[in-house]
N, C-alpha and C. Protein backbone atom coordinates (compact mmCIF):
# COMPACT_ATOMS: atom_id res chain seq x y z
N MET A 1 -34.62 -7.83 -86.54
CA MET A 1 -35.56 -9.16 -86.07
C MET A 1 -34.84 -9.84 -85.43
N ALA A 2 -33.76 -10.43 -85.96
CA ALA A 2 -32.91 -11.72 -85.42
C ALA A 2 -32.56 -11.34 -84.41
N THR A 3 -31.90 -10.18 -84.36
CA THR A 3 -31.28 -9.94 -82.68
C THR A 3 -32.38 -9.89 -81.88
N VAL A 4 -33.59 -9.38 -81.89
CA VAL A 4 -34.97 -9.18 -81.15
C VAL A 4 -34.97 -10.83 -80.85
N GLN A 5 -35.20 -11.68 -81.68
CA GLN A 5 -35.34 -13.12 -81.32
C GLN A 5 -34.43 -13.81 -80.77
N GLY A 6 -33.18 -13.50 -80.96
CA GLY A 6 -31.95 -14.09 -80.25
C GLY A 6 -31.84 -13.82 -78.76
N ASP A 7 -32.24 -12.96 -78.44
CA ASP A 7 -32.40 -12.09 -77.14
C ASP A 7 -33.75 -12.58 -76.42
N GLU A 8 -34.53 -12.82 -76.68
CA GLU A 8 -35.66 -13.44 -76.67
C GLU A 8 -35.09 -14.86 -75.95
N ASN A 9 -34.45 -15.50 -77.01
CA ASN A 9 -34.08 -17.18 -76.40
C ASN A 9 -33.66 -17.09 -75.43
N LYS A 10 -32.33 -15.89 -75.24
CA LYS A 10 -31.48 -15.89 -73.98
C LYS A 10 -32.51 -15.91 -73.10
N LYS A 11 -33.37 -15.09 -72.99
CA LYS A 11 -34.31 -14.62 -71.71
C LYS A 11 -35.10 -16.09 -71.36
N VAL A 12 -35.47 -16.63 -72.15
CA VAL A 12 -36.06 -18.13 -72.21
C VAL A 12 -35.14 -19.10 -71.70
N SER A 13 -33.95 -19.26 -72.24
CA SER A 13 -33.24 -20.04 -71.27
C SER A 13 -32.51 -19.74 -70.41
N PHE A 14 -32.92 -18.70 -70.11
CA PHE A 14 -31.95 -18.22 -68.45
C PHE A 14 -33.53 -18.40 -67.47
N THR A 15 -34.57 -18.49 -68.17
CA THR A 15 -36.21 -18.43 -67.15
C THR A 15 -36.07 -19.95 -67.26
N GLN A 16 -35.75 -20.41 -68.34
CA GLN A 16 -35.74 -22.30 -68.42
C GLN A 16 -35.15 -23.03 -67.08
N TRP A 17 -33.66 -22.66 -67.41
CA TRP A 17 -32.88 -22.94 -66.12
C TRP A 17 -32.86 -22.65 -64.66
N LEU A 18 -33.96 -21.75 -64.38
CA LEU A 18 -34.25 -20.78 -63.20
C LEU A 18 -35.56 -21.91 -62.65
N PHE A 19 -36.66 -22.10 -63.43
CA PHE A 19 -37.86 -23.23 -63.11
C PHE A 19 -37.49 -24.73 -63.30
N LEU A 20 -36.10 -24.73 -64.29
CA LEU A 20 -36.26 -26.23 -64.40
C LEU A 20 -35.09 -26.77 -63.46
N ILE A 21 -34.11 -26.36 -62.99
CA ILE A 21 -32.69 -26.66 -62.23
C ILE A 21 -32.57 -26.26 -61.04
N ILE A 22 -32.45 -24.82 -60.97
CA ILE A 22 -32.35 -23.94 -59.55
C ILE A 22 -33.39 -24.11 -58.50
N ILE A 23 -34.63 -23.81 -59.04
CA ILE A 23 -35.66 -23.82 -57.91
C ILE A 23 -35.64 -25.50 -57.65
N PRO A 24 -36.13 -26.40 -58.29
CA PRO A 24 -36.20 -27.80 -57.89
C PRO A 24 -34.77 -28.08 -56.91
N LEU A 25 -33.68 -27.72 -57.55
CA LEU A 25 -32.60 -28.20 -56.36
C LEU A 25 -32.67 -27.31 -55.06
N VAL A 26 -32.94 -25.83 -55.02
CA VAL A 26 -33.02 -25.55 -53.61
C VAL A 26 -34.33 -26.31 -52.88
N LEU A 27 -35.04 -26.63 -53.67
CA LEU A 27 -36.15 -27.47 -52.83
C LEU A 27 -35.72 -28.89 -52.91
N ALA A 28 -35.11 -29.46 -53.15
CA ALA A 28 -34.53 -30.78 -52.50
C ALA A 28 -33.79 -30.72 -51.59
N ILE A 29 -33.05 -29.74 -51.91
CA ILE A 29 -32.08 -29.61 -50.85
C ILE A 29 -32.50 -29.19 -49.19
N SER A 30 -33.74 -28.16 -49.23
CA SER A 30 -34.39 -27.56 -48.07
C SER A 30 -35.37 -29.13 -47.77
N ILE A 31 -36.02 -29.77 -48.55
CA ILE A 31 -36.71 -31.19 -48.15
C ILE A 31 -35.52 -32.31 -47.23
N GLY A 32 -34.68 -32.37 -47.75
CA GLY A 32 -33.59 -32.97 -47.75
C GLY A 32 -32.95 -32.76 -46.27
N PHE A 33 -32.83 -31.47 -45.60
CA PHE A 33 -32.49 -30.85 -45.05
C PHE A 33 -33.90 -31.14 -43.45
N ILE A 34 -34.61 -30.88 -43.99
CA ILE A 34 -35.87 -30.82 -43.27
C ILE A 34 -36.06 -32.64 -42.50
N VAL A 35 -36.00 -33.17 -43.65
CA VAL A 35 -35.99 -35.04 -42.92
C VAL A 35 -35.11 -35.15 -42.28
N ILE A 36 -33.49 -34.63 -42.42
CA ILE A 36 -32.60 -35.39 -41.98
C ILE A 36 -32.44 -34.84 -40.11
N SER A 37 -33.23 -33.26 -40.46
CA SER A 37 -33.48 -33.00 -38.78
C SER A 37 -34.49 -33.78 -38.17
N LEU A 38 -35.53 -34.21 -38.92
CA LEU A 38 -36.64 -35.10 -37.98
C LEU A 38 -35.70 -36.34 -37.54
N LEU A 39 -34.90 -36.96 -38.07
CA LEU A 39 -34.47 -37.87 -37.75
C LEU A 39 -33.14 -37.55 -36.41
N ASP A 40 -33.19 -36.49 -36.09
CA ASP A 40 -32.53 -36.09 -35.20
C ASP A 40 -30.96 -36.11 -35.25
N LEU A 41 -30.26 -35.77 -36.83
CA LEU A 41 -28.91 -36.42 -37.17
C LEU A 41 -28.17 -34.82 -37.46
N ASN A 42 -28.67 -33.64 -36.79
CA ASN A 42 -28.27 -32.31 -36.44
C ASN A 42 -27.24 -32.04 -37.53
N PRO A 43 -28.40 -31.60 -38.76
CA PRO A 43 -27.65 -31.56 -40.27
C PRO A 43 -27.01 -29.94 -39.87
N GLY A 44 -27.16 -29.26 -39.12
CA GLY A 44 -26.42 -28.12 -39.07
C GLY A 44 -25.05 -28.06 -38.74
N ALA A 45 -24.89 -29.25 -37.69
CA ALA A 45 -23.26 -29.36 -37.67
C ALA A 45 -22.68 -30.23 -38.54
N LYS A 46 -23.36 -31.16 -39.11
CA LYS A 46 -22.65 -31.86 -39.96
C LYS A 46 -22.25 -30.74 -41.24
N ILE A 47 -23.30 -29.78 -41.61
CA ILE A 47 -22.89 -29.06 -42.66
C ILE A 47 -22.00 -27.98 -42.21
N LYS A 48 -21.65 -27.80 -41.13
CA LYS A 48 -20.61 -27.03 -40.82
C LYS A 48 -19.05 -27.78 -40.55
N GLU A 49 -19.37 -28.98 -40.29
CA GLU A 49 -18.09 -29.86 -40.03
C GLU A 49 -17.81 -29.78 -41.49
N PHE A 50 -18.59 -30.33 -42.28
CA PHE A 50 -18.30 -30.42 -43.90
C PHE A 50 -17.22 -28.70 -44.54
N ALA A 51 -18.43 -27.93 -44.46
CA ALA A 51 -17.98 -26.45 -44.50
C ALA A 51 -16.57 -26.22 -44.24
N ASN A 52 -15.95 -26.72 -42.90
CA ASN A 52 -15.11 -26.80 -42.40
C ASN A 52 -13.75 -26.99 -42.67
N GLN A 53 -14.28 -28.21 -43.55
CA GLN A 53 -13.07 -28.79 -44.36
C GLN A 53 -12.62 -28.23 -45.54
N ILE A 54 -13.61 -27.50 -46.27
CA ILE A 54 -13.48 -26.76 -47.58
C ILE A 54 -12.40 -25.65 -47.20
N PRO A 55 -11.20 -25.71 -47.69
CA PRO A 55 -10.27 -24.51 -47.66
C PRO A 55 -11.06 -23.35 -47.54
N VAL A 56 -11.36 -22.48 -48.63
CA VAL A 56 -11.57 -20.92 -48.47
C VAL A 56 -12.57 -20.84 -47.35
N ILE A 57 -13.60 -21.49 -47.52
CA ILE A 57 -15.10 -21.68 -46.98
C ILE A 57 -14.47 -22.09 -45.48
N ASN A 58 -13.62 -22.42 -44.78
CA ASN A 58 -13.67 -22.73 -43.64
C ASN A 58 -13.45 -21.38 -43.09
N GLN A 59 -12.72 -20.38 -43.08
CA GLN A 59 -12.41 -19.17 -42.64
C GLN A 59 -13.85 -18.54 -42.24
N PHE A 60 -14.74 -18.55 -43.08
CA PHE A 60 -16.24 -17.94 -42.40
C PHE A 60 -17.17 -18.36 -41.51
N VAL A 61 -16.53 -19.81 -41.68
CA VAL A 61 -17.79 -20.89 -40.78
C VAL A 61 -16.91 -21.23 -39.33
N THR A 62 -17.30 -21.22 -38.49
CA THR A 62 -17.08 -21.79 -37.14
C THR A 62 -17.54 -22.93 -36.50
N THR A 63 -17.09 -23.82 -36.45
CA THR A 63 -17.94 -24.94 -35.24
C THR A 63 -17.87 -24.89 -33.86
N GLU A 64 -18.78 -25.62 -33.48
CA GLU A 64 -18.77 -25.70 -31.96
C GLU A 64 -17.93 -25.38 -31.35
N GLU A 65 -16.99 -26.47 -31.68
CA GLU A 65 -15.95 -26.50 -30.98
C GLU A 65 -15.02 -25.40 -30.97
N GLU A 66 -14.77 -24.67 -32.22
CA GLU A 66 -14.26 -22.95 -32.17
C GLU A 66 -14.71 -21.98 -31.26
N ALA A 67 -16.06 -21.99 -31.13
CA ALA A 67 -16.93 -21.45 -30.56
C ALA A 67 -16.54 -21.50 -28.90
N GLU A 68 -16.35 -22.61 -28.86
CA GLU A 68 -16.29 -23.30 -27.23
C GLU A 68 -14.45 -22.68 -26.38
N ILE A 69 -13.86 -22.69 -28.18
CA ILE A 69 -12.39 -22.38 -27.84
C ILE A 69 -12.37 -20.72 -27.51
N GLU A 70 -12.87 -20.41 -28.72
CA GLU A 70 -13.58 -18.77 -28.37
C GLU A 70 -14.03 -17.94 -27.10
N ARG A 71 -15.43 -19.25 -26.84
CA ARG A 71 -15.59 -18.43 -25.53
C ARG A 71 -14.58 -18.76 -24.19
N ARG A 72 -14.04 -19.54 -24.24
CA ARG A 72 -12.93 -20.13 -23.05
C ARG A 72 -12.10 -18.99 -23.20
N GLU A 73 -11.36 -18.96 -24.42
CA GLU A 73 -10.33 -17.35 -24.60
C GLU A 73 -10.99 -16.18 -24.12
N ASN A 74 -12.15 -15.62 -24.22
CA ASN A 74 -12.71 -14.90 -23.82
C ASN A 74 -12.64 -15.27 -22.09
N GLN A 75 -13.02 -15.85 -21.90
CA GLN A 75 -13.08 -15.82 -20.46
C GLN A 75 -11.95 -15.95 -19.66
N LEU A 76 -10.37 -16.36 -20.12
CA LEU A 76 -9.63 -16.45 -19.72
C LEU A 76 -8.77 -15.14 -19.71
N GLU A 77 -9.25 -14.32 -21.14
CA GLU A 77 -8.55 -13.31 -21.10
C GLU A 77 -9.03 -12.07 -19.62
N LYS A 78 -10.73 -12.16 -19.49
CA LYS A 78 -11.10 -11.60 -18.70
C LYS A 78 -10.43 -12.06 -17.40
N GLN A 79 -10.16 -13.07 -17.20
CA GLN A 79 -9.44 -13.61 -15.77
C GLN A 79 -8.45 -12.92 -15.66
N ILE A 80 -7.72 -13.01 -16.78
CA ILE A 80 -5.85 -12.42 -16.83
C ILE A 80 -6.46 -11.04 -16.69
N SER A 81 -7.20 -10.00 -17.12
CA SER A 81 -7.50 -8.82 -16.77
C SER A 81 -7.64 -8.15 -15.46
N LYS A 82 -8.44 -9.24 -14.81
CA LYS A 82 -9.07 -9.04 -13.64
C LYS A 82 -7.66 -9.35 -12.63
N LEU A 83 -6.54 -10.20 -12.94
CA LEU A 83 -5.93 -10.66 -12.18
C LEU A 83 -4.47 -9.57 -12.14
N LYS A 84 -4.77 -8.99 -13.23
CA LYS A 84 -3.71 -7.93 -13.34
C LYS A 84 -4.28 -6.56 -12.78
N ASP A 85 -5.49 -6.47 -12.68
CA ASP A 85 -5.63 -5.52 -11.75
C ASP A 85 -5.58 -5.48 -9.86
N GLU A 86 -6.09 -7.04 -10.05
CA GLU A 86 -5.57 -7.31 -8.58
C GLU A 86 -3.57 -7.33 -8.34
N LYS A 87 -3.55 -7.38 -9.33
CA LYS A 87 -1.80 -7.40 -9.19
C LYS A 87 -1.31 -5.78 -8.80
N ALA A 88 -1.89 -4.89 -9.39
CA ALA A 88 -1.68 -3.50 -9.26
C ALA A 88 -2.09 -3.08 -8.49
N SER A 89 -3.18 -3.43 -7.57
CA SER A 89 -3.84 -3.38 -6.45
C SER A 89 -2.85 -3.47 -5.14
N MET A 90 -2.21 -4.54 -5.62
CA MET A 90 -1.34 -5.01 -4.48
C MET A 90 0.04 -4.55 -4.38
N GLU A 91 0.22 -3.99 -5.84
CA GLU A 91 1.54 -3.64 -5.60
C GLU A 91 1.47 -1.84 -5.27
N ALA A 92 0.39 -1.23 -5.37
CA ALA A 92 0.18 -0.19 -4.95
C ALA A 92 0.23 -0.26 -3.13
N ASP A 93 -0.68 -1.25 -2.85
CA ASP A 93 -0.60 -1.54 -1.44
C ASP A 93 0.67 -1.64 -1.04
N LEU A 94 1.48 -2.50 -1.89
CA LEU A 94 2.97 -3.08 -1.02
C LEU A 94 3.73 -1.76 -1.19
N SER A 95 3.88 -0.53 -2.23
CA SER A 95 4.34 0.22 -1.68
C SER A 95 4.32 1.16 -0.88
N THR A 96 2.70 1.36 -0.49
CA THR A 96 2.30 1.99 0.68
C THR A 96 3.10 1.18 2.14
N LYS A 97 2.60 0.00 1.98
CA LYS A 97 3.14 -0.52 3.19
C LYS A 97 4.81 -0.33 3.49
N GLU A 98 5.74 -0.27 2.03
CA GLU A 98 6.98 -0.03 2.26
C GLU A 98 7.25 1.41 3.01
N LEU A 99 6.30 2.32 2.07
CA LEU A 99 6.89 3.77 2.91
C LEU A 99 6.61 3.88 4.05
N GLU A 100 5.50 3.23 4.75
CA GLU A 100 5.39 2.76 6.10
C GLU A 100 6.25 2.47 6.46
N ILE A 101 6.89 1.16 6.63
CA ILE A 101 7.62 0.59 7.06
C ILE A 101 9.02 1.12 7.20
N ASP A 102 9.49 2.16 6.10
CA ASP A 102 10.30 2.85 6.09
C ASP A 102 10.10 4.10 6.97
N GLN A 103 8.87 4.71 7.19
CA GLN A 103 8.86 5.77 8.54
C GLN A 103 9.18 5.34 9.50
N LEU A 104 8.33 3.99 9.79
CA LEU A 104 8.32 2.94 10.89
C LEU A 104 10.02 3.16 11.59
N LYS A 105 10.37 2.45 10.66
CA LYS A 105 11.95 2.29 11.05
C LYS A 105 12.72 3.91 11.33
N GLN A 106 12.74 4.74 10.69
CA GLN A 106 12.92 6.23 11.08
C GLN A 106 12.32 6.17 12.35
N GLU A 107 11.34 5.95 12.64
CA GLU A 107 10.45 6.28 14.19
C GLU A 107 11.53 6.23 15.22
N ILE A 108 11.79 4.49 15.06
CA ILE A 108 12.87 3.43 15.97
C ILE A 108 14.17 3.77 15.92
N GLU A 109 14.80 4.70 14.87
CA GLU A 109 16.09 5.01 14.95
C GLU A 109 15.90 6.26 15.93
N ARG A 110 14.81 7.18 15.63
CA ARG A 110 14.58 8.50 16.41
C ARG A 110 14.66 8.20 18.06
N LEU A 111 13.93 7.17 18.16
CA LEU A 111 13.36 6.74 19.38
C LEU A 111 14.73 6.20 20.10
N LYS A 112 15.41 5.18 19.25
CA LYS A 112 16.82 4.53 19.93
C LYS A 112 17.67 5.86 20.11
N HIS A 113 17.55 6.89 19.19
CA HIS A 113 18.72 7.79 19.60
C HIS A 113 18.54 9.05 20.70
N GLN A 114 16.72 9.06 20.96
CA GLN A 114 16.59 9.70 22.10
C GLN A 114 16.75 8.75 23.44
N LEU A 115 16.62 7.41 23.52
CA LEU A 115 16.88 6.53 24.52
C LEU A 115 18.33 6.64 25.00
N ASP A 116 19.08 6.91 23.94
CA ASP A 116 20.61 6.64 24.46
C ASP A 116 20.59 8.28 24.69
N GLN A 117 20.31 9.87 24.40
CA GLN A 117 20.42 10.51 24.79
C GLN A 117 19.86 10.21 26.56
N THR A 118 18.63 10.11 26.48
CA THR A 118 18.04 10.03 27.84
C THR A 118 19.41 9.40 28.95
N GLU A 119 19.78 8.11 28.39
CA GLU A 119 20.59 7.33 29.03
C GLU A 119 21.70 8.11 29.57
N VAL A 120 22.69 9.05 28.63
CA VAL A 120 23.61 9.62 28.91
C VAL A 120 23.28 10.72 29.59
N THR A 121 22.07 11.30 29.64
CA THR A 121 21.68 12.34 30.49
C THR A 121 21.42 11.95 31.84
N SER A 122 21.08 10.95 32.01
CA SER A 122 20.58 10.51 33.19
C SER A 122 22.06 9.67 33.63
N ALA A 123 23.00 8.97 33.24
CA ALA A 123 24.25 9.03 33.90
C ALA A 123 25.00 10.02 34.07
N ILE A 124 24.92 11.34 33.25
CA ILE A 124 25.08 12.50 33.99
C ILE A 124 24.71 12.94 35.14
N ASP A 125 23.23 13.01 35.09
CA ASP A 125 22.54 13.42 35.91
C ASP A 125 22.89 12.13 37.68
N ASN A 126 23.21 11.13 37.44
CA ASN A 126 23.56 10.60 38.35
C ASN A 126 25.04 11.03 39.12
N LYS A 127 25.48 11.11 37.90
CA LYS A 127 26.88 11.55 38.57
C LYS A 127 27.11 12.98 39.24
N ASP A 128 25.99 13.60 38.58
CA ASP A 128 25.87 15.12 39.23
C ASP A 128 25.38 15.03 40.53
N ASN A 129 24.19 14.35 40.60
CA ASN A 129 24.06 13.66 42.11
C ASN A 129 24.56 12.99 43.03
N MET A 130 25.77 12.23 42.53
CA MET A 130 26.42 11.61 43.69
C MET A 130 27.77 12.97 43.81
N ALA A 131 27.93 14.00 42.82
CA ALA A 131 29.05 14.80 43.14
C ALA A 131 28.26 16.24 44.27
N VAL A 132 27.04 16.12 44.15
CA VAL A 132 26.43 16.81 44.80
C VAL A 132 25.96 16.32 46.31
N ALA A 133 25.55 15.27 46.50
CA ALA A 133 25.63 14.39 47.79
C ALA A 133 27.28 14.77 48.45
N GLN A 134 28.11 14.41 47.37
CA GLN A 134 29.29 14.12 48.17
C GLN A 134 29.91 15.90 48.95
N ILE A 135 29.37 16.98 47.75
CA ILE A 135 29.99 18.29 48.07
C ILE A 135 28.71 18.59 49.17
N VAL A 136 27.43 18.10 49.28
CA VAL A 136 26.57 18.27 50.65
C VAL A 136 26.92 17.68 52.26
N SER A 137 27.29 16.53 51.71
CA SER A 137 28.01 15.67 52.89
C SER A 137 29.01 16.82 53.52
N THR A 138 29.81 17.72 52.50
CA THR A 138 31.07 18.51 53.23
C THR A 138 30.59 19.49 53.51
N TYR A 139 29.77 20.17 53.40
CA TYR A 139 29.10 21.25 53.77
C TYR A 139 28.87 20.71 55.23
N GLN A 140 27.70 19.67 55.26
CA GLN A 140 27.17 19.23 56.44
C GLN A 140 28.30 19.21 57.65
N GLU A 141 29.05 18.53 57.21
CA GLU A 141 30.24 18.97 58.11
C GLU A 141 31.46 19.92 58.50
N MET A 142 31.17 20.79 57.45
CA MET A 142 32.03 21.86 57.50
C MET A 142 31.53 22.64 58.54
N ALA A 143 32.04 24.00 59.15
CA ALA A 143 31.59 24.88 60.24
C ALA A 143 30.45 26.13 59.29
N ALA A 144 29.64 26.23 60.23
CA ALA A 144 28.48 26.75 59.00
C ALA A 144 29.22 28.52 58.88
N LYS A 145 30.24 28.88 59.63
CA LYS A 145 30.70 30.44 59.07
C LYS A 145 31.44 30.38 57.71
N ASN A 146 32.31 29.16 57.80
CA ASN A 146 33.39 28.93 56.42
C ASN A 146 32.27 28.68 55.34
N ALA A 147 31.17 27.43 55.27
CA ALA A 147 30.43 27.31 54.60
C ALA A 147 29.76 28.82 54.20
N ALA A 148 29.20 29.56 54.92
CA ALA A 148 28.66 30.78 54.39
C ALA A 148 29.38 31.50 53.72
N LEU A 149 30.81 31.74 54.20
CA LEU A 149 31.53 32.65 53.06
C LEU A 149 31.81 31.90 51.75
N ILE A 150 31.91 30.56 51.67
CA ILE A 150 32.22 29.89 50.57
C ILE A 150 30.76 29.99 49.56
N ILE A 151 29.47 29.71 50.12
CA ILE A 151 28.53 29.78 49.45
C ILE A 151 28.24 31.24 48.77
N THR A 152 28.18 32.33 49.61
CA THR A 152 28.22 33.46 49.18
C THR A 152 29.16 33.77 47.73
N GLU A 153 30.04 33.33 47.73
CA GLU A 153 30.94 33.49 46.61
C GLU A 153 30.38 32.74 45.16
N MET A 154 29.76 31.75 45.61
CA MET A 154 29.52 30.83 44.48
C MET A 154 28.49 31.42 43.44
N ASN A 155 27.97 30.62 42.63
CA ASN A 155 26.76 31.14 41.65
C ASN A 155 25.21 30.87 42.28
N LYS A 156 24.70 31.47 42.36
CA LYS A 156 22.97 30.99 42.66
C LYS A 156 22.54 29.85 42.45
N THR A 157 23.13 29.49 41.39
CA THR A 157 22.19 27.74 41.07
C THR A 157 22.98 26.58 42.02
N ASP A 158 23.95 26.56 41.81
CA ASP A 158 24.68 25.50 42.77
C ASP A 158 24.76 26.37 44.30
N ALA A 159 24.45 27.15 44.61
CA ALA A 159 24.51 27.88 46.18
C ALA A 159 23.05 27.17 46.70
N LEU A 160 21.93 27.43 45.80
CA LEU A 160 20.28 26.86 45.87
C LEU A 160 20.45 25.52 45.85
N GLN A 161 21.30 24.78 45.06
CA GLN A 161 21.22 23.16 45.24
C GLN A 161 21.83 22.88 46.32
N ILE A 162 22.69 23.11 46.71
CA ILE A 162 23.60 22.75 47.95
C ILE A 162 22.35 23.03 48.79
N LEU A 163 21.91 24.32 49.35
CA LEU A 163 21.14 24.79 49.97
C LEU A 163 20.06 23.78 50.52
N ARG A 164 19.16 23.40 49.46
CA ARG A 164 18.20 22.86 49.45
C ARG A 164 18.37 21.01 49.61
N ALA A 165 19.60 20.80 49.32
CA ALA A 165 20.32 19.28 49.89
C ALA A 165 20.87 19.14 51.28
N LEU A 166 20.64 20.46 52.12
CA LEU A 166 21.61 20.65 53.44
C LEU A 166 20.13 20.13 54.35
N ASP A 167 20.09 19.60 55.51
CA ASP A 167 19.07 19.29 56.37
C ASP A 167 19.02 20.98 57.02
N GLU A 168 17.57 20.86 57.48
CA GLU A 168 17.26 22.32 57.86
C GLU A 168 17.69 23.11 58.99
N THR A 169 18.62 22.57 59.87
CA THR A 169 19.48 23.29 60.79
C THR A 169 20.74 23.93 60.56
N LYS A 170 21.29 22.70 59.90
CA LYS A 170 22.64 23.20 58.76
C LYS A 170 22.28 24.34 58.39
N ARG A 171 21.27 24.14 57.30
CA ARG A 171 20.69 24.85 56.52
C ARG A 171 20.44 26.85 57.40
N ALA A 172 19.81 26.59 58.12
CA ALA A 172 19.23 28.00 58.96
C ALA A 172 21.37 28.40 59.43
N ALA A 173 21.84 27.23 60.15
CA ALA A 173 23.25 27.85 60.54
C ALA A 173 24.04 28.81 59.87
N ILE A 174 24.09 28.11 58.10
CA ILE A 174 24.74 28.55 57.76
C ILE A 174 24.02 30.33 56.66
N LEU A 175 23.03 30.03 56.67
CA LEU A 175 22.31 31.19 56.45
C LEU A 175 22.11 32.50 57.55
N SER A 176 22.35 32.21 58.72
CA SER A 176 22.51 33.04 59.68
C SER A 176 24.00 33.93 59.86
N GLU A 177 24.60 32.90 59.42
CA GLU A 177 26.37 33.37 59.25
C GLU A 177 26.45 34.60 57.94
N MET A 178 25.65 34.51 57.15
CA MET A 178 25.64 35.33 55.97
C MET A 178 25.39 36.44 56.06
N ASP A 179 25.51 37.49 55.59
CA ASP A 179 25.33 38.56 55.34
C ASP A 179 23.91 39.17 55.08
N PRO A 180 23.00 39.69 55.92
CA PRO A 180 21.63 39.66 55.56
C PRO A 180 20.88 39.99 54.20
N GLU A 181 21.62 40.58 53.16
CA GLU A 181 20.95 40.89 51.87
C GLU A 181 21.67 39.64 51.49
N SER A 182 22.61 38.99 51.21
CA SER A 182 22.55 37.85 50.63
C SER A 182 21.93 36.69 51.10
N ALA A 183 21.54 36.60 52.11
CA ALA A 183 20.67 35.30 52.87
C ALA A 183 19.59 35.90 52.58
N ALA A 184 18.97 36.87 52.52
CA ALA A 184 17.68 37.29 51.90
C ALA A 184 17.36 36.61 50.29
N THR A 185 18.20 36.91 49.57
CA THR A 185 18.42 36.72 48.50
C THR A 185 17.99 35.34 48.17
N LEU A 186 19.06 34.44 48.92
CA LEU A 186 19.07 33.26 48.53
C LEU A 186 17.66 32.32 49.38
N THR A 187 16.80 33.14 50.60
CA THR A 187 16.20 32.27 50.98
C THR A 187 14.66 32.81 49.88
N GLU A 188 15.00 34.26 49.45
CA GLU A 188 13.38 33.90 48.41
C GLU A 188 14.09 33.02 47.22
N GLN A 189 14.99 32.46 46.93
CA GLN A 189 15.19 31.31 45.51
C GLN A 189 14.54 30.32 46.24
N LEU A 190 15.10 29.96 47.51
CA LEU A 190 14.89 28.49 47.90
C LEU A 190 13.06 28.58 48.00
N LEU A 191 12.43 29.56 47.85
CA LEU A 191 11.01 29.83 48.35
C LEU A 191 10.30 29.26 46.69
N LYS A 192 11.01 29.61 45.64
CA LYS A 192 10.51 29.56 44.20
C LYS A 192 10.65 28.34 44.10
């Protein structure tokens, strides 16, 4: 029985502590908080500031300044991410443009080579035209019978080129001096 009475005393003493100390303490803190709030002293900020100075508790409490720093940090991280995306996009555009520049450089080189070839061909054609003009001038001065003998022995392409360049009267005289078969073949070729 003595142990039952001891347990009841312990229960009473805990209940007494609850009603006599803990509840009035919580009530006093609440009333104090309300009064300070009514006086516009912002007790939440003061409590956070005070709690932030306590070594272990400061890890769990964030002040407005820390919240602002964290918000600013998140904002800067988003901005960094956005800038990284823009950089990646610009790098992709740059590599595309570099490829395009390389292709254009190759095209320029190809066109320069083609222009050089055209100039060489043009120079050769000019030389050929000058040579043909000189030969035509020679045949123009030559007797029709001699010119006919020489032209019948030439290859058809050169013979046609010379005959086309001669004036009509000289051409007619040379063709009349040729054998009919050769004259007919060359005339047919002249018409094409």
